[in-house]
Amino acid sequence: MIPAIPSIPSVGAAESLGAAQAAPASAAAGTATDAASSSSFANMLGQAIDSLNGATNNATNVSLEAAAGNASVADATVASTEADLDTQLASALTDKAVTALNTIMNMQA
């Protein structure tokens, strides 16, 4: 069986989570806010990469089970398509991030 896709927290929830993590810090307020934002973004990015890895591993396992006759071809197709879509999303986000970084770097000229 294919595991359910986990829900993605809203931006407001992620920011409040980051602020709650930075509250006990003894740093200045501006520095704590910056650290909280990067920390929560890093956590969300890490979770997304873990999710992508899990989807590809699941697709591989279901495909092997289907080849052995223990799973249906439909389940293997769904798992493979899910992994493909996750990979396309990660690639598109990477391209957008690189484009944004290049745009920012070109502003300095």
N, C-alpha and C. Protein backbone atom coordinates (compact mmCIF):
# COMPACT_ATOMS: atom_id res chain seq x y z
N MET A 1 0.83 -1.18 0.00
CA MET A 1 0.00 0.00 0.00
C MET A 1 0.88 1.24 0.00
N ILE A 2 0.47 2.24 -0.71
CA ILE A 2 1.21 3.48 -0.82
C ILE A 2 0.89 4.37 0.38
N PRO A 3 1.93 4.89 1.07
CA PRO A 3 1.67 5.74 2.23
C PRO A 3 1.04 7.07 1.81
N ALA A 4 0.27 7.65 2.71
CA ALA A 4 -0.39 8.92 2.45
C ALA A 4 0.64 10.03 2.36
N ILE A 5 0.35 11.04 1.55
CA ILE A 5 1.23 12.19 1.40
C ILE A 5 1.05 13.07 2.63
N PRO A 6 2.15 13.41 3.32
CA PRO A 6 2.02 14.25 4.52
C PRO A 6 1.59 15.67 4.15
N SER A 7 0.88 16.30 5.07
CA SER A 7 0.42 17.67 4.82
C SER A 7 1.59 18.64 4.96
N ILE A 8 1.51 19.73 4.23
CA ILE A 8 2.54 20.75 4.25
C ILE A 8 2.07 21.88 5.16
N PRO A 9 2.87 22.27 6.16
CA PRO A 9 2.42 23.33 7.07
C PRO A 9 2.37 24.67 6.33
N SER A 10 1.45 25.52 6.77
CA SER A 10 1.34 26.84 6.16
C SER A 10 2.53 27.70 6.55
N VAL A 11 2.73 28.77 5.83
CA VAL A 11 3.86 29.66 6.09
C VAL A 11 3.76 30.27 7.48
N GLY A 12 2.55 30.67 7.89
CA GLY A 12 2.36 31.25 9.22
C GLY A 12 2.71 30.27 10.33
N ALA A 13 2.35 29.00 10.14
CA ALA A 13 2.66 27.98 11.14
C ALA A 13 4.16 27.75 11.22
N ALA A 14 4.84 27.77 10.07
CA ALA A 14 6.29 27.56 10.06
C ALA A 14 7.00 28.72 10.73
N GLU A 15 6.51 29.95 10.50
CA GLU A 15 7.15 31.10 11.13
C GLU A 15 6.95 31.09 12.64
N SER A 16 5.75 30.71 13.10
CA SER A 16 5.52 30.68 14.54
C SER A 16 6.32 29.56 15.19
N LEU A 17 6.52 28.45 14.46
CA LEU A 17 7.35 27.37 14.97
C LEU A 17 8.79 27.84 15.12
N GLY A 18 9.28 28.56 14.11
CA GLY A 18 10.64 29.08 14.16
C GLY A 18 10.81 30.08 15.29
N ALA A 19 9.82 30.92 15.51
CA ALA A 19 9.89 31.91 16.58
C ALA A 19 9.88 31.23 17.94
N ALA A 20 9.11 30.16 18.06
CA ALA A 20 9.05 29.44 19.33
C ALA A 20 10.38 28.75 19.62
N GLN A 21 11.06 28.28 18.59
CA GLN A 21 12.36 27.64 18.79
C GLN A 21 13.42 28.66 19.18
N ALA A 22 13.31 29.89 18.68
CA ALA A 22 14.33 30.89 18.94
C ALA A 22 14.07 31.67 20.22
N ALA A 23 12.91 31.53 20.85
CA ALA A 23 12.56 32.32 22.02
C ALA A 23 13.56 32.16 23.17
N PRO A 24 14.04 30.94 23.50
CA PRO A 24 14.97 30.83 24.62
C PRO A 24 16.37 31.32 24.30
N ALA A 25 16.66 31.67 23.09
CA ALA A 25 18.01 32.08 22.72
C ALA A 25 18.37 33.38 23.43
N SER A 26 19.65 33.52 23.73
CA SER A 26 20.09 34.73 24.43
C SER A 26 20.63 35.76 23.47
N ALA A 27 20.51 35.55 22.17
CA ALA A 27 21.02 36.49 21.17
C ALA A 27 20.10 37.69 21.07
N ALA A 28 20.53 38.66 20.28
CA ALA A 28 19.71 39.86 20.06
C ALA A 28 18.45 39.48 19.31
N ALA A 29 17.41 40.31 19.39
CA ALA A 29 16.10 39.99 18.80
C ALA A 29 16.20 39.81 17.29
N GLY A 30 16.90 40.68 16.59
CA GLY A 30 17.02 40.57 15.13
C GLY A 30 17.75 39.31 14.72
N THR A 31 18.81 38.98 15.42
CA THR A 31 19.58 37.79 15.12
C THR A 31 18.76 36.54 15.40
N ALA A 32 17.99 36.53 16.47
CA ALA A 32 17.16 35.37 16.80
C ALA A 32 16.09 35.15 15.75
N THR A 33 15.51 36.21 15.24
CA THR A 33 14.48 36.09 14.21
C THR A 33 15.08 35.55 12.93
N ASP A 34 16.26 36.04 12.54
CA ASP A 34 16.92 35.55 11.33
C ASP A 34 17.27 34.08 11.48
N ALA A 35 17.76 33.69 12.64
CA ALA A 35 18.13 32.29 12.86
C ALA A 35 16.90 31.40 12.84
N ALA A 36 15.79 31.90 13.39
CA ALA A 36 14.57 31.10 13.41
C ALA A 36 14.04 30.88 12.00
N SER A 37 14.10 31.91 11.18
CA SER A 37 13.61 31.79 9.81
C SER A 37 14.45 30.80 9.03
N SER A 38 15.76 30.89 9.13
CA SER A 38 16.62 29.97 8.38
C SER A 38 16.53 28.55 8.95
N SER A 39 16.35 28.43 10.25
CA SER A 39 16.23 27.12 10.86
C SER A 39 14.96 26.43 10.43
N SER A 40 13.84 27.14 10.43
CA SER A 40 12.58 26.51 10.04
C SER A 40 12.59 26.21 8.54
N PHE A 41 13.19 27.07 7.73
CA PHE A 41 13.29 26.80 6.29
C PHE A 41 14.18 25.59 6.06
N ALA A 42 15.27 25.50 6.79
CA ALA A 42 16.17 24.36 6.64
C ALA A 42 15.46 23.07 7.03
N ASN A 43 14.66 23.13 8.10
CA ASN A 43 13.91 21.94 8.51
C ASN A 43 12.90 21.53 7.44
N MET A 44 12.19 22.50 6.89
CA MET A 44 11.20 22.20 5.86
C MET A 44 11.88 21.65 4.61
N LEU A 45 13.02 22.20 4.24
CA LEU A 45 13.75 21.72 3.08
C LEU A 45 14.25 20.30 3.31
N GLY A 46 14.75 20.03 4.50
CA GLY A 46 15.21 18.68 4.83
C GLY A 46 14.08 17.67 4.80
N GLN A 47 12.92 18.07 5.31
CA GLN A 47 11.76 17.17 5.27
C GLN A 47 11.31 16.90 3.85
N ALA A 48 11.38 17.91 2.99
CA ALA A 48 11.00 17.73 1.59
C ALA A 48 11.95 16.77 0.88
N ILE A 49 13.24 16.88 1.17
CA ILE A 49 14.21 15.98 0.56
C ILE A 49 14.02 14.56 1.08
N ASP A 50 13.74 14.42 2.37
CA ASP A 50 13.45 13.10 2.93
C ASP A 50 12.21 12.50 2.30
N SER A 51 11.20 13.33 2.05
CA SER A 51 9.97 12.86 1.42
C SER A 51 10.24 12.38 -0.01
N LEU A 52 11.06 13.12 -0.74
CA LEU A 52 11.44 12.73 -2.10
C LEU A 52 12.19 11.40 -2.08
N ASN A 53 13.11 11.26 -1.16
CA ASN A 53 13.86 10.02 -1.04
C ASN A 53 12.93 8.85 -0.69
N GLY A 54 11.99 9.08 0.21
CA GLY A 54 11.04 8.04 0.58
C GLY A 54 10.16 7.63 -0.59
N ALA A 55 9.74 8.61 -1.39
CA ALA A 55 8.89 8.31 -2.55
C ALA A 55 9.64 7.47 -3.57
N THR A 56 10.90 7.80 -3.81
CA THR A 56 11.67 7.03 -4.78
C THR A 56 11.98 5.62 -4.26
N ASN A 57 12.27 5.52 -2.96
CA ASN A 57 12.49 4.19 -2.38
C ASN A 57 11.22 3.35 -2.43
N ASN A 58 10.07 3.97 -2.15
CA ASN A 58 8.79 3.27 -2.21
C ASN A 58 8.51 2.79 -3.63
N ALA A 59 8.77 3.65 -4.62
CA ALA A 59 8.55 3.27 -6.01
C ALA A 59 9.42 2.09 -6.40
N THR A 60 10.67 2.10 -5.94
CA THR A 60 11.57 0.99 -6.24
C THR A 60 11.07 -0.31 -5.60
N ASN A 61 10.68 -0.22 -4.33
CA ASN A 61 10.21 -1.42 -3.63
C ASN A 61 8.93 -1.98 -4.24
N VAL A 62 7.98 -1.11 -4.56
CA VAL A 62 6.71 -1.58 -5.13
C VAL A 62 6.95 -2.15 -6.53
N SER A 63 7.87 -1.55 -7.28
CA SER A 63 8.19 -2.08 -8.61
C SER A 63 8.81 -3.47 -8.51
N LEU A 64 9.69 -3.65 -7.55
CA LEU A 64 10.29 -4.98 -7.35
C LEU A 64 9.25 -6.00 -6.91
N GLU A 65 8.33 -5.59 -6.04
CA GLU A 65 7.25 -6.49 -5.63
C GLU A 65 6.34 -6.83 -6.79
N ALA A 66 6.06 -5.86 -7.65
CA ALA A 66 5.22 -6.13 -8.82
C ALA A 66 5.92 -7.08 -9.79
N ALA A 67 7.23 -6.92 -9.93
CA ALA A 67 7.99 -7.82 -10.81
C ALA A 67 7.99 -9.24 -10.27
N ALA A 68 7.96 -9.37 -8.94
CA ALA A 68 7.94 -10.69 -8.31
C ALA A 68 6.53 -11.26 -8.26
N GLY A 69 5.53 -10.45 -8.59
CA GLY A 69 4.14 -10.93 -8.58
C GLY A 69 3.43 -10.72 -7.26
N ASN A 70 4.03 -9.97 -6.34
CA ASN A 70 3.43 -9.74 -5.02
C ASN A 70 2.63 -8.45 -4.93
N ALA A 71 2.69 -7.62 -5.95
CA ALA A 71 1.95 -6.35 -5.97
C ALA A 71 1.39 -6.16 -7.37
N SER A 72 0.36 -5.33 -7.46
CA SER A 72 -0.24 -5.09 -8.78
C SER A 72 0.59 -4.09 -9.58
N VAL A 73 0.44 -4.17 -10.88
CA VAL A 73 1.13 -3.24 -11.76
C VAL A 73 0.59 -1.83 -11.55
N ALA A 74 -0.69 -1.72 -11.22
CA ALA A 74 -1.28 -0.41 -10.97
C ALA A 74 -0.61 0.28 -9.79
N ASP A 75 -0.36 -0.48 -8.70
CA ASP A 75 0.32 0.11 -7.54
C ASP A 75 1.73 0.57 -7.91
N ALA A 76 2.42 -0.22 -8.72
CA ALA A 76 3.77 0.15 -9.14
C ALA A 76 3.74 1.40 -10.01
N THR A 77 2.73 1.50 -10.87
CA THR A 77 2.61 2.67 -11.74
C THR A 77 2.32 3.93 -10.92
N VAL A 78 1.42 3.81 -9.94
CA VAL A 78 1.10 4.96 -9.09
C VAL A 78 2.33 5.40 -8.30
N ALA A 79 3.05 4.47 -7.72
CA ALA A 79 4.24 4.81 -6.93
C ALA A 79 5.31 5.43 -7.81
N SER A 80 5.48 4.90 -9.01
CA SER A 80 6.48 5.44 -9.93
C SER A 80 6.10 6.86 -10.38
N THR A 81 4.82 7.07 -10.66
CA THR A 81 4.37 8.39 -11.08
C THR A 81 4.52 9.41 -9.95
N GLU A 82 4.22 8.98 -8.72
CA GLU A 82 4.37 9.87 -7.56
C GLU A 82 5.83 10.28 -7.40
N ALA A 83 6.74 9.32 -7.52
CA ALA A 83 8.16 9.63 -7.40
C ALA A 83 8.61 10.55 -8.53
N ASP A 84 8.09 10.32 -9.74
CA ASP A 84 8.45 11.17 -10.87
C ASP A 84 7.97 12.61 -10.66
N LEU A 85 6.75 12.76 -10.18
CA LEU A 85 6.22 14.11 -9.93
C LEU A 85 7.00 14.81 -8.82
N ASP A 86 7.35 14.08 -7.77
CA ASP A 86 8.16 14.67 -6.70
C ASP A 86 9.51 15.13 -7.22
N THR A 87 10.11 14.33 -8.10
CA THR A 87 11.40 14.69 -8.67
C THR A 87 11.28 15.92 -9.57
N GLN A 88 10.21 15.98 -10.36
CA GLN A 88 9.99 17.15 -11.22
C GLN A 88 9.79 18.41 -10.38
N LEU A 89 9.06 18.29 -9.28
CA LEU A 89 8.84 19.44 -8.39
C LEU A 89 10.16 19.91 -7.79
N ALA A 90 10.97 18.98 -7.31
CA ALA A 90 12.26 19.36 -6.73
C ALA A 90 13.15 20.03 -7.77
N SER A 91 13.12 19.52 -8.98
CA SER A 91 13.92 20.12 -10.06
C SER A 91 13.43 21.52 -10.40
N ALA A 92 12.13 21.71 -10.46
CA ALA A 92 11.57 23.03 -10.77
C ALA A 92 11.90 24.03 -9.67
N LEU A 93 11.79 23.60 -8.41
CA LEU A 93 12.13 24.50 -7.30
C LEU A 93 13.60 24.87 -7.31
N THR A 94 14.46 23.91 -7.65
CA THR A 94 15.89 24.19 -7.74
C THR A 94 16.17 25.21 -8.83
N ASP A 95 15.53 25.02 -9.99
CA ASP A 95 15.71 25.97 -11.09
C ASP A 95 15.26 27.37 -10.71
N LYS A 96 14.11 27.47 -10.03
CA LYS A 96 13.60 28.78 -9.60
C LYS A 96 14.53 29.42 -8.58
N ALA A 97 15.08 28.63 -7.67
CA ALA A 97 15.99 29.17 -6.66
C ALA A 97 17.27 29.69 -7.31
N VAL A 98 17.79 28.95 -8.28
CA VAL A 98 19.00 29.40 -8.97
C VAL A 98 18.72 30.67 -9.76
N THR A 99 17.58 30.73 -10.43
CA THR A 99 17.20 31.93 -11.18
C THR A 99 17.07 33.14 -10.24
N ALA A 100 16.44 32.93 -9.09
CA ALA A 100 16.30 34.03 -8.12
C ALA A 100 17.66 34.49 -7.61
N LEU A 101 18.55 33.55 -7.32
CA LEU A 101 19.88 33.91 -6.85
C LEU A 101 20.64 34.69 -7.92
N ASN A 102 20.55 34.24 -9.17
CA ASN A 102 21.22 34.97 -10.26
C ASN A 102 20.66 36.38 -10.43
N THR A 103 19.34 36.52 -10.27
CA THR A 103 18.72 37.83 -10.37
C THR A 103 19.23 38.75 -9.27
N ILE A 104 19.33 38.23 -8.06
CA ILE A 104 19.82 39.03 -6.94
C ILE A 104 21.27 39.41 -7.16
N MET A 105 22.09 38.49 -7.65
CA MET A 105 23.49 38.78 -7.88
C MET A 105 23.67 39.82 -8.99
N ASN A 106 22.79 39.82 -9.99
CA ASN A 106 22.88 40.79 -11.08
C ASN A 106 22.45 42.19 -10.64
N MET A 107 21.74 42.32 -9.53
CA MET A 107 21.32 43.62 -9.03
C MET A 107 22.49 44.43 -8.52
N GLN A 108 23.58 43.79 -8.17
CA GLN A 108 24.73 44.49 -7.60
C GLN A 108 25.50 45.26 -8.67
N ALA A 109 25.31 44.93 -9.91
CA ALA A 109 26.08 45.58 -10.99
C ALA A 109 25.68 46.97 -11.26
